[in-house]
PDB file of all heavy atoms in Angstrom:
ATOM      1  N   PHE A   1      80.185-155.480 -75.744  1.00  0.00           N
ATOM      2  CA  PHE A   1      79.866-155.435 -74.300  1.00  0.00           C
ATOM      3  C   PHE A   1      80.716-156.504 -73.617  1.00  0.00           C
ATOM      4  O   PHE A   1      80.306-157.638 -73.403  1.00  0.00           O
ATOM      5  CB  PHE A   1      78.369-155.690 -74.094  1.00  0.00           C
ATOM      6  CG  PHE A   1      77.909-155.456 -72.687  1.00  0.00           C
ATOM      7  CD1 PHE A   1      77.765-154.152 -72.195  1.00  0.00           C
ATOM      8  CD2 PHE A   1      77.636-156.520 -71.823  1.00  0.00           C
ATOM      9  CE1 PHE A   1      77.341-153.943 -70.894  1.00  0.00           C
ATOM     10  CE2 PHE A   1      77.214-156.290 -70.525  1.00  0.00           C
ATOM     11  CZ  PHE A   1      77.068-155.013 -70.049  1.00  0.00           C
ATOM     12  N   THR A   2      81.922-156.077 -73.303  1.00  0.00           N
ATOM     13  CA  THR A   2      82.900-157.035 -72.757  1.00  0.00           C
ATOM     14  C   THR A   2      82.912-157.048 -71.220  1.00  0.00           C
ATOM     15  O   THR A   2      83.295-158.053 -70.605  1.00  0.00           O
ATOM     16  CB  THR A   2      84.297-156.701 -73.271  1.00  0.00           C
ATOM     17  OG1 THR A   2      84.597-155.349 -72.921  1.00  0.00           O
ATOM     18  CG2 THR A   2      84.366-156.883 -74.794  1.00  0.00           C
ATOM     19  N   GLU A   3      82.526-155.952 -70.593  1.00  0.00           N
ATOM     20  CA  GLU A   3      82.549-155.855 -69.136  1.00  0.00           C
ATOM     21  C   GLU A   3      81.138-155.607 -68.607  1.00  0.00           C
ATOM     22  O   GLU A   3      80.467-154.668 -69.052  1.00  0.00           O
ATOM     23  CB  GLU A   3      83.456-154.720 -68.698  1.00  0.00           C
ATOM     24  CG  GLU A   3      84.913-154.950 -69.063  1.00  0.00           C
ATOM     25  CD  GLU A   3      85.793-153.795 -68.605  1.00  0.00           C
ATOM     26  OE1 GLU A   3      85.235-152.825 -68.022  1.00  0.00           O
ATOM     27  OE2 GLU A   3      87.009-153.847 -68.830  1.00  0.00           O
ATOM     28  N   ASN A   4      80.714-156.469 -67.699  1.00  0.00           N
ATOM     29  CA  ASN A   4      79.370-156.339 -67.118  1.00  0.00           C
ATOM     30  C   ASN A   4      79.461-155.502 -65.843  1.00  0.00           C
ATOM     31  O   ASN A   4      79.388-156.014 -64.730  1.00  0.00           O
ATOM     32  CB  ASN A   4      78.790-157.731 -66.837  1.00  0.00           C
ATOM     33  CG  ASN A   4      77.318-157.654 -66.418  1.00  0.00           C
ATOM     34  OD1 ASN A   4      76.691-156.592 -66.508  1.00  0.00           O
ATOM     35  ND2 ASN A   4      76.782-158.765 -65.940  1.00  0.00           N
ATOM     36  N   THR A   5      79.633-154.217 -66.043  1.00  0.00           N
ATOM     37  CA  THR A   5      79.737-153.301 -64.916  1.00  0.00           C
ATOM     38  C   THR A   5      78.555-152.349 -64.956  1.00  0.00           C
ATOM     39  O   THR A   5      77.805-152.296 -65.940  1.00  0.00           O
ATOM     40  CB  THR A   5      81.053-152.502 -64.978  1.00  0.00           C
ATOM     41  OG1 THR A   5      81.056-151.741 -66.179  1.00  0.00           O
ATOM     42  CG2 THR A   5      82.268-153.439 -64.936  1.00  0.00           C
ATOM     43  N   LEU A   6      78.418-151.601 -63.847  1.00  0.00           N
ATOM     44  CA  LEU A   6      77.326-150.657 -63.761  1.00  0.00           C
ATOM     45  C   LEU A   6      77.440-149.586 -64.814  1.00  0.00           C
ATOM     46  O   LEU A   6      76.457-149.208 -65.458  1.00  0.00           O
ATOM     47  CB  LEU A   6      77.281-150.041 -62.350  1.00  0.00           C
ATOM     48  CG  LEU A   6      76.168-149.000 -62.099  1.00  0.00           C
ATOM     49  CD1 LEU A   6      74.797-149.658 -62.275  1.00  0.00           C
ATOM     50  CD2 LEU A   6      76.319-148.378 -60.693  1.00  0.00           C
ATOM     51  N   SER A   7      78.655-149.098 -64.981  1.00  0.00           N
ATOM     52  CA  SER A   7      78.879-148.062 -65.981  1.00  0.00           C
ATOM     53  C   SER A   7      78.572-148.586 -67.394  1.00  0.00           C
ATOM     54  O   SER A   7      77.971-147.907 -68.232  1.00  0.00           O
ATOM     55  CB  SER A   7      80.320-147.572 -65.909  1.00  0.00           C
ATOM     56  OG  SER A   7      80.572-146.620 -66.916  1.00  0.00           O
ATOM     57  N   SER A   8      78.992-149.844 -67.645  1.00  0.00           N
ATOM     58  CA  SER A   8      78.756-150.422 -68.972  1.00  0.00           C
ATOM     59  C   SER A   8      77.270-150.618 -69.228  1.00  0.00           C
ATOM     60  O   SER A   8      76.777-150.394 -70.353  1.00  0.00           O
ATOM     61  CB  SER A   8      79.486-151.765 -69.087  1.00  0.00           C
ATOM     62  OG  SER A   8      80.882-151.568 -68.951  1.00  0.00           O
ATOM     63  N   ARG A   9      76.569-151.070 -68.192  1.00  0.00           N
ATOM     64  CA  ARG A   9      75.153-151.285 -68.358  1.00  0.00           C
ATOM     65  C   ARG A   9      74.427-149.977 -68.598  1.00  0.00           C
ATOM     66  O   ARG A   9      73.469-149.903 -69.368  1.00  0.00           O
ATOM     67  CB  ARG A   9      74.577-152.021 -67.155  1.00  0.00           C
ATOM     68  CG  ARG A   9      74.996-153.492 -67.078  1.00  0.00           C
ATOM     69  CD  ARG A   9      74.139-154.254 -66.069  1.00  0.00           C
ATOM     70  NE  ARG A   9      74.313-153.745 -64.712  1.00  0.00           N
ATOM     71  CZ  ARG A   9      75.229-154.143 -63.841  1.00  0.00           C
ATOM     72  NH1 ARG A   9      76.086-155.084 -64.190  1.00  0.00           N
ATOM     73  NH2 ARG A   9      75.294-153.620 -62.601  1.00  0.00           N
ATOM     74  N   ARG A  10      74.865-148.896 -67.895  1.00  0.00           N
ATOM     75  CA  ARG A  10      74.248-147.599 -68.099  1.00  0.00           C
ATOM     76  C   ARG A  10      74.501-147.049 -69.514  1.00  0.00           C
ATOM     77  O   ARG A  10      73.640-146.375 -70.078  1.00  0.00           O
ATOM     78  CB  ARG A  10      74.749-146.608 -67.040  1.00  0.00           C
ATOM     79  CG  ARG A  10      74.214-146.915 -65.643  1.00  0.00           C
ATOM     80  CD  ARG A  10      74.786-145.928 -64.651  1.00  0.00           C
ATOM     81  NE  ARG A  10      74.234-146.174 -63.318  1.00  0.00           N
ATOM     82  CZ  ARG A  10      74.618-145.500 -62.214  1.00  0.00           C
ATOM     83  NH1 ARG A  10      75.532-144.525 -62.311  1.00  0.00           N
ATOM     84  NH2 ARG A  10      74.077-145.773 -61.012  1.00  0.00           N
ATOM     85  N   ASN A  11      75.664-147.298 -69.965  1.00  0.00           N
ATOM     86  CA  ASN A  11      76.042-146.756 -71.317  1.00  0.00           C
ATOM     87  C   ASN A  11      75.709-147.726 -72.473  1.00  0.00           C
ATOM     88  O   ASN A  11      76.091-147.480 -73.633  1.00  0.00           O
ATOM     89  CB  ASN A  11      77.527-146.438 -71.346  1.00  0.00           C
ATOM     90  CG  ASN A  11      77.907-145.340 -70.359  1.00  0.00           C
ATOM     91  OD1 ASN A  11      77.118-144.418 -70.131  1.00  0.00           O
ATOM     92  ND2 ASN A  11      79.090-145.430 -69.796  1.00  0.00           N
ATOM     93  N   LEU A  12      75.086-148.852 -72.103  1.00  0.00           N
ATOM     94  CA  LEU A  12      74.808-149.852 -73.147  1.00  0.00           C
ATOM     95  C   LEU A  12      73.896-149.288 -74.238  1.00  0.00           C
ATOM     96  O   LEU A  12      74.135-149.476 -75.438  1.00  0.00           O
ATOM     97  CB  LEU A  12      74.193-151.109 -72.511  1.00  0.00           C
ATOM     98  CG  LEU A  12      73.793-152.208 -73.490  1.00  0.00           C
ATOM     99  CD1 LEU A  12      75.032-152.706 -74.248  1.00  0.00           C
ATOM    100  CD2 LEU A  12      73.126-153.367 -72.739  1.00  0.00           C
ATOM    101  N   ARG A  13      72.861-148.584 -73.785  1.00  0.00           N
ATOM    102  CA  ARG A  13      71.905-148.059 -74.773  1.00  0.00           C
ATOM    103  C   ARG A  13      72.581-147.084 -75.737  1.00  0.00           C
ATOM    104  O   ARG A  13      72.390-147.155 -76.958  1.00  0.00           O
ATOM    105  CB  ARG A  13      70.747-147.369 -74.054  1.00  0.00           C
ATOM    106  CG  ARG A  13      69.642-146.877 -74.980  1.00  0.00           C
ATOM    107  CD  ARG A  13      68.541-146.194 -74.193  1.00  0.00           C
ATOM    108  NE  ARG A  13      67.469-145.781 -75.052  1.00  0.00           N
ATOM    109  CZ  ARG A  13      66.445-146.535 -75.410  1.00  0.00           C
ATOM    110  NH1 ARG A  13      66.361-147.783 -74.942  1.00  0.00           N
ATOM    111  NH2 ARG A  13      65.520-146.072 -76.212  1.00  0.00           N
ATOM    112  N   SER A  14      73.393-146.197 -75.162  1.00  0.00           N
ATOM    113  CA  SER A  14      74.079-145.214 -76.034  1.00  0.00           C
ATOM    114  C   SER A  14      75.086-145.901 -76.961  1.00  0.00           C
ATOM    115  O   SER A  14      75.249-145.525 -78.134  1.00  0.00           O
ATOM    116  CB  SER A  14      74.780-144.159 -75.173  1.00  0.00           C
ATOM    117  OG  SER A  14      75.755-144.767 -74.319  1.00  0.00           O
ATOM    118  N   LYS A  15      75.739-146.925 -76.457  1.00  0.00           N
ATOM    119  CA  LYS A  15      76.680-147.664 -77.308  1.00  0.00           C
ATOM    120  C   LYS A  15      75.958-148.340 -78.476  1.00  0.00           C
ATOM    121  O   LYS A  15      76.422-148.332 -79.611  1.00  0.00           O
ATOM    122  CB  LYS A  15      77.429-148.713 -76.478  1.00  0.00           C
ATOM    123  CG  LYS A  15      78.502-148.142 -75.579  1.00  0.00           C
ATOM    124  CD  LYS A  15      79.263-149.267 -74.866  1.00  0.00           C
ATOM    125  CE  LYS A  15      80.369-148.698 -73.978  1.00  0.00           C
ATOM    126  NZ  LYS A  15      81.132-149.780 -73.293  1.00  0.00           N
ATOM    127  N   ILE A  16      74.792-148.941 -78.102  1.00  0.00           N
ATOM    128  CA  ILE A  16      74.027-149.610 -79.161  1.00  0.00           C
ATOM    129  C   ILE A  16      73.581-148.599 -80.213  1.00  0.00           C
ATOM    130  O   ILE A  16      73.655-148.843 -81.425  1.00  0.00           O
ATOM    131  CB  ILE A  16      72.828-150.355 -78.557  1.00  0.00           C
ATOM    132  CG1 ILE A  16      73.315-151.545 -77.701  1.00  0.00           C
ATOM    133  CG2 ILE A  16      71.897-150.865 -79.646  1.00  0.00           C
ATOM    134  CD1 ILE A  16      72.221-152.258 -76.928  1.00  0.00           C
ATOM    135  N   GLU A  17      73.150-147.428 -79.724  1.00  0.00           N
ATOM    136  CA  GLU A  17      72.697-146.410 -80.668  1.00  0.00           C
ATOM    137  C   GLU A  17      73.855-145.912 -81.537  1.00  0.00           C
ATOM    138  O   GLU A  17      73.719-145.722 -82.751  1.00  0.00           O
ATOM    139  CB  GLU A  17      72.041-145.255 -79.917  1.00  0.00           C
ATOM    140  CG  GLU A  17      70.705-145.643 -79.287  1.00  0.00           C
ATOM    141  CD  GLU A  17      70.110-144.505 -78.475  1.00  0.00           C
ATOM    142  OE1 GLU A  17      70.842-143.490 -78.322  1.00  0.00           O
ATOM    143  OE2 GLU A  17      68.957-144.619 -78.043  1.00  0.00           O
ATOM    144  N   ARG A  18      75.024-145.666 -80.853  1.00  0.00           N
ATOM    145  CA  ARG A  18      76.175-145.219 -81.639  1.00  0.00           C
ATOM    146  C   ARG A  18      76.630-146.285 -82.649  1.00  0.00           C
ATOM    147  O   ARG A  18      76.999-145.983 -83.785  1.00  0.00           O
ATOM    148  CB  ARG A  18      77.326-144.854 -80.693  1.00  0.00           C
ATOM    149  CG  ARG A  18      77.115-143.546 -79.952  1.00  0.00           C
ATOM    150  CD  ARG A  18      78.420-143.062 -79.352  1.00  0.00           C
ATOM    151  NE  ARG A  18      78.949-144.020 -78.390  1.00  0.00           N
ATOM    152  CZ  ARG A  18      78.655-144.007 -77.084  1.00  0.00           C
ATOM    153  NH1 ARG A  18      77.815-143.095 -76.598  1.00  0.00           N
ATOM    154  NH2 ARG A  18      79.182-144.902 -76.267  1.00  0.00           N
ATOM    155  N   ARG A  19      76.594-147.550 -82.183  1.00  0.00           N
ATOM    156  CA  ARG A  19      77.013-148.629 -83.104  1.00  0.00           C
ATOM    157  C   ARG A  19      76.021-148.733 -84.268  1.00  0.00           C
ATOM    158  O   ARG A  19      76.412-148.932 -85.422  1.00  0.00           O
ATOM    159  CB  ARG A  19      77.076-149.953 -82.345  1.00  0.00           C
ATOM    160  CG  ARG A  19      77.599-151.104 -83.202  1.00  0.00           C
ATOM    161  CD  ARG A  19      77.857-152.329 -82.337  1.00  0.00           C
ATOM    162  NE  ARG A  19      78.335-153.428 -83.156  1.00  0.00           N
ATOM    163  CZ  ARG A  19      79.570-153.571 -83.575  1.00  0.00           C
ATOM    164  NH1 ARG A  19      80.498-152.673 -83.239  1.00  0.00           N
ATOM    165  NH2 ARG A  19      79.931-154.607 -84.299  1.00  0.00           N
ATOM    166  N   SER A  20      74.726-148.600 -83.917  1.00  0.00           N
ATOM    167  CA  SER A  20      73.728-148.642 -84.998  1.00  0.00           C
ATOM    168  C   SER A  20      73.929-147.500 -85.985  1.00  0.00           C
ATOM    169  O   SER A  20      73.837-147.664 -87.206  1.00  0.00           O
ATOM    170  CB  SER A  20      72.321-148.591 -84.384  1.00  0.00           C
ATOM    171  OG  SER A  20      71.354-148.561 -85.429  1.00  0.00           O
ATOM    172  N   LEU A  21      74.259-146.306 -85.402  1.00  0.00           N
ATOM    173  CA  LEU A  21      74.514-145.161 -86.277  1.00  0.00           C
ATOM    174  C   LEU A  21      75.737-145.387 -87.153  1.00  0.00           C
ATOM    175  O   LEU A  21      75.742-145.059 -88.358  1.00  0.00           O
ATOM    176  CB  LEU A  21      74.691-143.907 -85.404  1.00  0.00           C
ATOM    177  CG  LEU A  21      74.967-142.604 -86.163  1.00  0.00           C
ATOM    178  CD1 LEU A  21      73.801-142.272 -87.090  1.00  0.00           C
ATOM    179  CD2 LEU A  21      75.218-141.460 -85.173  1.00  0.00           C
ATOM    180  N   ALA A  22      76.783-145.983 -86.557  1.00  0.00           N
ATOM    181  CA  ALA A  22      78.009-146.254 -87.348  1.00  0.00           C
ATOM    182  C   ALA A  22      77.723-147.264 -88.453  1.00  0.00           C
ATOM    183  O   ALA A  22      78.204-147.131 -89.601  1.00  0.00           O
ATOM    184  CB  ALA A  22      79.112-146.766 -86.415  1.00  0.00           C
ATOM    185  N   ILE A  23      76.925-148.292 -88.059  1.00  0.00           N
ATOM    186  CA  ILE A  23      76.583-149.302 -89.085  1.00  0.00           C
ATOM    187  C   ILE A  23      75.787-148.661 -90.215  1.00  0.00           C
ATOM    188  O   ILE A  23      76.030-148.919 -91.402  1.00  0.00           O
ATOM    189  CB  ILE A  23      75.802-150.456 -88.430  1.00  0.00           C
ATOM    190  CG1 ILE A  23      76.725-151.250 -87.488  1.00  0.00           C
ATOM    191  CG2 ILE A  23      75.214-151.367 -89.489  1.00  0.00           C
ATOM    192  CD1 ILE A  23      76.020-152.297 -86.659  1.00  0.00           C
ATOM    193  N   ASN A  24      74.815-147.775 -89.828  1.00  0.00           N
ATOM    194  CA  ASN A  24      74.014-147.099 -90.867  1.00  0.00           C
ATOM    195  C   ASN A  24      74.869-146.199 -91.756  1.00  0.00           C
ATOM    196  O   ASN A  24      74.665-146.102 -92.965  1.00  0.00           O
ATOM    197  CB  ASN A  24      72.892-146.299 -90.217  1.00  0.00           C
ATOM    198  CG  ASN A  24      71.818-147.208 -89.611  1.00  0.00           C
ATOM    199  OD1 ASN A  24      71.617-148.326 -90.092  1.00  0.00           O
ATOM    200  ND2 ASN A  24      71.137-146.734 -88.569  1.00  0.00           N
ATOM    201  N   GLU A  25      75.847-145.503 -91.067  1.00  0.00           N
ATOM    202  CA  GLU A  25      76.741-144.645 -91.863  1.00  0.00           C
ATOM    203  C   GLU A  25      77.586-145.478 -92.833  1.00  0.00           C
ATOM    204  O   GLU A  25      77.801-145.098 -93.992  1.00  0.00           O
ATOM    205  CB  GLU A  25      77.633-143.832 -90.928  1.00  0.00           C
ATOM    206  CG  GLU A  25      76.872-142.734 -90.197  1.00  0.00           C
ATOM    207  CD  GLU A  25      77.759-141.971 -89.235  1.00  0.00           C
ATOM    208  OE1 GLU A  25      78.918-142.426 -89.047  1.00  0.00           O
ATOM    209  OE2 GLU A  25      77.329-140.947 -88.706  1.00  0.00           O
ATOM    210  N   ASP A  26      78.086-146.621 -92.306  1.00  0.00           N
ATOM    211  CA  ASP A  26      78.862-147.518 -93.197  1.00  0.00           C
ATOM    212  C   ASP A  26      77.992-148.013 -94.356  1.00  0.00           C
ATOM    213  O   ASP A  26      78.440-148.061 -95.511  1.00  0.00           O
ATOM    214  CB  ASP A  26      79.409-148.705 -92.404  1.00  0.00           C
ATOM    215  CG  ASP A  26      80.465-148.291 -91.392  1.00  0.00           C
ATOM    216  OD1 ASP A  26      81.036-147.192 -91.582  1.00  0.00           O
ATOM    217  OD2 ASP A  26      80.719-149.058 -90.447  1.00  0.00           O
ATOM    218  N   PHE A  27      76.753-148.386 -93.982  1.00  0.00           N
ATOM    219  CA  PHE A  27      75.828-148.845 -95.028  1.00  0.00           C
ATOM    220  C   PHE A  27      75.544-147.743 -96.054  1.00  0.00           C
ATOM    221  O   PHE A  27      75.503-147.965 -97.260  1.00  0.00           O
ATOM    222  CB  PHE A  27      74.529-149.344 -94.373  1.00  0.00           C
ATOM    223  CG  PHE A  27      73.493-149.768 -95.363  1.00  0.00           C
ATOM    224  CD1 PHE A  27      73.581-151.003 -95.999  1.00  0.00           C
ATOM    225  CD2 PHE A  27      72.428-148.915 -95.673  1.00  0.00           C
ATOM    226  CE1 PHE A  27      72.619-151.375 -96.909  1.00  0.00           C
ATOM    227  CE2 PHE A  27      71.488-149.296 -96.602  1.00  0.00           C
ATOM    228  CZ  PHE A  27      71.567-150.532 -97.226  1.00  0.00           C
ATOM    229  N   LEU A  28      75.370-146.504 -95.501  1.00  0.00           N
ATOM    230  CA  LEU A  28      75.094-145.378 -96.392  1.00  0.00           C
ATOM    231  C   LEU A  28      76.285-145.101 -97.315  1.00  0.00           C
ATOM    232  O   LEU A  28      76.117-144.829 -98.512  1.00  0.00           O
ATOM    233  CB  LEU A  28      74.750-144.142 -95.560  1.00  0.00           C
ATOM    234  CG  LEU A  28      74.412-142.872 -96.351  1.00  0.00           C
ATOM    235  CD1 LEU A  28      73.194-143.109 -97.243  1.00  0.00           C
ATOM    236  CD2 LEU A  28      74.179-141.705 -95.415  1.00  0.00           C
ATOM    237  N   SER A  29      77.500-145.209 -96.730  1.00  0.00           N
ATOM    238  CA  SER A  29      78.700-144.987 -97.558  1.00  0.00           C
ATOM    239  C   SER A  29      78.815-146.054 -98.640  1.00  0.00           C
ATOM    240  O   SER A  29      79.112-145.760 -99.815  1.00  0.00           O
ATOM    241  CB  SER A  29      79.948-144.993 -96.651  1.00  0.00           C
ATOM    242  OG  SER A  29      81.112-144.854 -97.429  1.00  0.00           O
ATOM    243  N   ALA A  30      78.585-147.300 -98.194  1.00  0.00           N
ATOM    244  CA  ALA A  30      78.655-148.382 -99.187  1.00  0.00           C
ATOM    245  C   ALA A  30      77.565-148.233-100.244  1.00  0.00           C
ATOM    246  O   ALA A  30      77.781-148.473-101.436  1.00  0.00           O
ATOM    247  CB  ALA A  30      78.540-149.735 -98.476  1.00  0.00           C
ATOM    248  N   PHE A  31      76.380-147.794 -99.782  1.00  0.00           N
ATOM    249  CA  PHE A  31      75.279-147.635-100.737  1.00  0.00           C
ATOM    250  C   PHE A  31      75.553-146.496-101.726  1.00  0.00           C
ATOM    251  O   PHE A  31      75.123-146.544-102.865  1.00  0.00           O
ATOM    252  CB  PHE A  31      73.984-147.379 -99.960  1.00  0.00           C
ATOM    253  CG  PHE A  31      72.775-147.407-100.818  1.00  0.00           C
ATOM    254  CD1 PHE A  31      72.245-148.624-101.247  1.00  0.00           C
ATOM    255  CD2 PHE A  31      72.153-146.227-101.207  1.00  0.00           C
ATOM    256  CE1 PHE A  31      71.129-148.650-102.051  1.00  0.00           C
ATOM    257  CE2 PHE A  31      71.038-146.258-102.013  1.00  0.00           C
ATOM    258  CZ  PHE A  31      70.520-147.467-102.439  1.00  0.00           C
ATOM    259  N   ARG A  32      76.289-145.428-101.200  1.00  0.00           N
ATOM    260  CA  ARG A  32      76.669-144.350-102.109  1.00  0.00           C
ATOM    261  C   ARG A  32      77.544-144.889-103.250  1.00  0.00           C
ATOM    262  O   ARG A  32      77.398-144.519-104.411  1.00  0.00           O
ATOM    263  CB  ARG A  32      77.412-143.258-101.350  1.00  0.00           C
ATOM    264  CG  ARG A  32      76.523-142.365-100.508  1.00  0.00           C
ATOM    265  CD  ARG A  32      77.273-141.109-100.127  1.00  0.00           C
ATOM    266  NE  ARG A  32      76.497-140.299 -99.192  1.00  0.00           N
ATOM    267  CZ  ARG A  32      76.661-140.315 -97.873  1.00  0.00           C
ATOM    268  NH1 ARG A  32      77.569-141.124 -97.332  1.00  0.00           N
ATOM    269  NH2 ARG A  32      75.911-139.547 -97.106  1.00  0.00           N
ATOM    270  N   GLU A  33      78.493-145.750-102.875  1.00  0.00           N
ATOM    271  CA  GLU A  33      79.358-146.342-103.907  1.00  0.00           C
ATOM    272  C   GLU A  33      78.543-147.184-104.885  1.00  0.00           C
ATOM    273  O   GLU A  33      78.756-147.139-106.101  1.00  0.00           O
ATOM    274  CB  GLU A  33      80.443-147.191-103.243  1.00  0.00           C
ATOM    275  CG  GLU A  33      81.411-146.379-102.408  1.00  0.00           C
ATOM    276  CD  GLU A  33      82.464-147.254-101.758  1.00  0.00           C
ATOM    277  OE1 GLU A  33      82.413-148.490-101.958  1.00  0.00           O
ATOM    278  OE2 GLU A  33      83.340-146.714-101.056  1.00  0.00           O
ATOM    279  N   VAL A  34      77.591-147.949-104.273  1.00  0.00           N
ATOM    280  CA  VAL A  34      76.738-148.766-105.151  1.00  0.00           C
ATOM    281  C   VAL A  34      75.917-147.880-106.067  1.00  0.00           C
ATOM    282  O   VAL A  34      75.773-148.133-107.267  1.00  0.00           O
ATOM    283  CB  VAL A  34      75.825-149.680-104.302  1.00  0.00           C
ATOM    284  CG1 VAL A  34      74.821-150.402-105.188  1.00  0.00           C
ATOM    285  CG2 VAL A  34      76.657-150.689-103.528  1.00  0.00           C
ATOM    286  N   LYS A  35      75.367-146.777-105.452  1.00  0.00           N
ATOM    287  CA  LYS A  35      74.564-145.856-106.261  1.00  0.00           C
ATOM    288  C   LYS A  35      75.407-145.214-107.362  1.00  0.00           C
ATOM    289  O   LYS A  35      74.960-145.043-108.508  1.00  0.00           O
ATOM    290  CB  LYS A  35      73.949-144.794-105.367  1.00  0.00           C
ATOM    291  CG  LYS A  35      73.051-143.805-106.124  1.00  0.00           C
ATOM    292  CD  LYS A  35      72.456-142.801-105.179  1.00  0.00           C
ATOM    293  CE  LYS A  35      71.535-141.834-105.946  1.00  0.00           C
ATOM    294  NZ  LYS A  35      72.267-141.080-106.969  1.00  0.00           N
ATOM    295  N   SER A  36      76.660-144.835-106.944  1.00  0.00           N
ATOM    296  CA  SER A  36      77.541-144.243-107.969  1.00  0.00           C
ATOM    297  C   SER A  36      77.816-145.232-109.096  1.00  0.00           C
ATOM    298  O   SER A  36      77.795-144.872-110.284  1.00  0.00           O
ATOM    299  CB  SER A  36      78.849-143.795-107.310  1.00  0.00           C
ATOM    300  OG  SER A  36      79.735-143.258-108.280  1.00  0.00           O
ATOM    301  N   SER A  37      78.064-146.493-108.694  1.00  0.00           N
ATOM    302  CA  SER A  37      78.292-147.519-109.718  1.00  0.00           C
ATOM    303  C   SER A  37      77.060-147.724-110.584  1.00  0.00           C
ATOM    304  O   SER A  37      77.141-147.853-111.815  1.00  0.00           O
ATOM    305  CB  SER A  37      78.697-148.845-109.053  1.00  0.00           C
ATOM    306  OG  SER A  37      79.893-148.697-108.313  1.00  0.00           O
ATOM    307  N   LEU A  38      75.869-147.716-109.901  1.00  0.00           N
ATOM    308  CA  LEU A  38      74.633-147.878-110.660  1.00  0.00           C
ATOM    309  C   LEU A  38      74.386-146.698-111.586  1.00  0.00           C
ATOM    310  O   LEU A  38      73.892-146.859-112.706  1.00  0.00           O
ATOM    311  CB  LEU A  38      73.453-148.046-109.695  1.00  0.00           C
ATOM    312  CG  LEU A  38      73.407-149.377-108.939  1.00  0.00           C
ATOM    313  CD1 LEU A  38      72.248-149.372-107.923  1.00  0.00           C
ATOM    314  CD2 LEU A  38      73.257-150.550-109.895  1.00  0.00           C
ATOM    315  N   ASP A  39      74.754-145.492-111.098  1.00  0.00           N
ATOM    316  CA  ASP A  39      74.622-144.319-111.974  1.00  0.00           C
ATOM    317  C   ASP A  39      75.520-144.447-113.200  1.00  0.00           C
ATOM    318  O   ASP A  39      75.115-144.114-114.334  1.00  0.00           O
ATOM    319  CB  ASP A  39      74.963-143.039-111.195  1.00  0.00           C
ATOM    320  CG  ASP A  39      73.896-142.702-110.148  1.00  0.00           C
ATOM    321  OD1 ASP A  39      72.748-143.205-110.304  1.00  0.00           O
ATOM    322  OD2 ASP A  39      74.206-141.953-109.205  1.00  0.00           O
ATOM    323  N   ASP A  40      76.770-144.910-112.950  1.00  0.00           N
ATOM    324  CA  ASP A  40      77.685-145.118-114.083  1.00  0.00           C
ATOM    325  C   ASP A  40      77.126-146.152-115.044  1.00  0.00           C
ATOM    326  O   ASP A  40      77.172-145.975-116.285  1.00  0.00           O
ATOM    327  CB  ASP A  40      79.065-145.551-113.563  1.00  0.00           C
ATOM    328  CG  ASP A  40      79.752-144.455-112.763  1.00  0.00           C
ATOM    329  OD1 ASP A  40      79.365-143.277-112.943  1.00  0.00           O
ATOM    330  OD2 ASP A  40      80.651-144.774-111.966  1.00  0.00           O
ATOM    331  N   ILE A  41      76.579-147.235-114.426  1.00  0.00           N
ATOM    332  CA  ILE A  41      75.992-148.277-115.292  1.00  0.00           C
ATOM    333  C   ILE A  41      74.812-147.721-116.064  1.00  0.00           C
ATOM    334  O   ILE A  41      74.618-148.012-117.255  1.00  0.00           O
ATOM    335  CB  ILE A  41      75.574-149.494-114.434  1.00  0.00           C
ATOM    336  CG1 ILE A  41      76.805-150.178-113.843  1.00  0.00           C
ATOM    337  CG2 ILE A  41      74.765-150.482-115.271  1.00  0.00           C
ATOM    338  CD1 ILE A  41      76.481-151.286-112.868  1.00  0.00           C
ATOM    339  N   TYR A  42      74.003-146.879-115.364  1.00  0.00           N
ATOM    340  CA  TYR A  42      72.856-146.271-116.030  1.00  0.00           C
ATOM    341  C   TYR A  42      73.301-145.399-117.204  1.00  0.00           C
ATOM    342  O   TYR A  42      72.707-145.441-118.297  1.00  0.00           O
ATOM    343  CB  TYR A  42      72.052-145.447-115.021  1.00  0.00           C
ATOM    344  CG  TYR A  42      70.940-144.647-115.658  1.00  0.00           C
ATOM    345  CD1 TYR A  42      69.754-145.261-116.054  1.00  0.00           C
ATOM    346  CD2 TYR A  42      71.083-143.272-115.865  1.00  0.00           C
ATOM    347  CE1 TYR A  42      68.748-144.532-116.648  1.00  0.00           C
ATOM    348  CE2 TYR A  42      70.082-142.539-116.459  1.00  0.00           C
ATOM    349  CZ  TYR A  42      68.905-143.170-116.845  1.00  0.00           C
ATOM    350  OH  TYR A  42      67.913-142.438-117.441  1.00  0.00           O
TER     351      TYR A  42
END
């Protein structure tokens, strides 16, 4: 959130949600690798 404008404030919620979704997807991807590694270890 670099610009404090009306448009930015309106889209803040959607940005936060999209960023949260991206973080979750990254976490899920990383967890898949961990799970794959754990499966190999298993």
